[in-house]
Amino acid sequence: MARLLELELAQKRTVWKNTKARKKSLRSLAFLLVFIILAACLFGFFMAYTRMTEERQNRPAATSHR
């Protein structure tokens, strides 16, 4: 009886270990996805800022007629 309980517990431990490894990999994947999204947003803001700066420099100076 004790051996059967020990065998069942060993099987449950392997299931728990596999589940823990799967959750860890999913958590790592989620952090990677968030990092990629943040990096893409920062790159987009950088590109928008660069274009706005270029347009501001290329715009002819406004002269006021009085």
Protein backbone atom coordinates (compact mmCIF):
# COMPACT_ATOMS: atom_id res chain seq x y z
CA MET A 1 0.00 0.00 0.00
CA ALA A 2 2.82 2.42 0.89
CA ARG A 3 4.59 1.67 -2.40
CA LEU A 4 1.44 2.45 -4.36
CA LEU A 5 1.06 5.77 -2.55
CA GLU A 6 4.73 6.54 -3.14
CA LEU A 7 4.39 5.71 -6.84
CA GLU A 8 1.29 7.88 -7.16
CA LEU A 9 3.03 10.76 -5.41
CA ALA A 10 6.06 10.41 -7.71
CA GLN A 11 3.76 10.58 -10.74
CA LYS A 12 2.03 13.66 -9.36
CA ARG A 13 5.40 15.31 -8.75
CA THR A 14 6.37 14.84 -12.39
CA VAL A 15 3.04 16.33 -13.50
CA TRP A 16 3.56 19.28 -11.14
CA LYS A 17 7.10 19.74 -12.42
CA ASN A 18 5.92 19.78 -16.05
CA THR A 19 3.13 22.23 -15.21
CA LYS A 20 5.58 24.50 -13.40
CA ALA A 21 7.96 24.46 -16.38
CA ARG A 22 5.11 25.27 -18.77
CA LYS A 23 3.94 28.20 -16.63
CA LYS A 24 7.50 29.50 -16.41
CA SER A 25 7.91 29.41 -20.18
CA LEU A 26 4.56 31.14 -20.71
CA ARG A 27 5.54 33.85 -18.23
CA SER A 28 8.84 34.36 -20.04
CA LEU A 29 7.02 34.55 -23.36
CA ALA A 30 4.62 37.16 -21.94
CA PHE A 31 7.51 39.32 -20.70
CA LEU A 32 9.19 39.02 -24.08
CA LEU A 33 5.99 40.09 -25.84
CA VAL A 34 5.58 43.12 -23.57
CA PHE A 35 9.23 44.07 -24.18
CA ILE A 36 8.77 43.82 -27.96
CA ILE A 37 5.62 45.96 -27.82
CA LEU A 38 7.36 48.62 -25.72
CA ALA A 39 10.39 48.63 -28.02
CA ALA A 40 8.12 49.02 -31.06
CA CYS A 41 6.27 51.93 -29.42
CA LEU A 42 9.53 53.67 -28.54
CA PHE A 43 10.78 53.20 -32.10
CA GLY A 44 7.51 54.60 -33.47
CA PHE A 45 7.70 57.66 -31.22
CA PHE A 46 11.32 58.19 -32.23
CA MET A 47 10.43 58.05 -35.92
CA ALA A 48 7.49 60.45 -35.44
CA TYR A 49 9.68 62.88 -33.49
CA THR A 50 12.37 62.74 -36.17
CA ARG A 51 9.86 63.48 -38.94
CA MET A 52 8.30 66.35 -37.02
CA THR A 53 11.73 67.85 -36.44
CA GLU A 54 12.61 67.53 -40.14
CA GLU A 55 9.34 69.15 -41.20
CA ARG A 56 9.88 72.00 -38.77
CA GLN A 57 13.38 72.64 -40.15
CA ASN A 58 12.26 72.43 -43.80
CA ARG A 59 9.32 74.78 -43.37
CA PRO A 60 10.06 78.25 -44.74
CA ALA A 61 10.21 81.01 -42.15
CA ALA A 62 6.90 82.84 -41.85
CA THR A 63 7.17 86.57 -42.47
CA SER A 64 4.63 88.96 -41.19
CA HIS A 65 3.45 91.72 -43.53
CA ARG A 66 2.62 94.96 -41.70
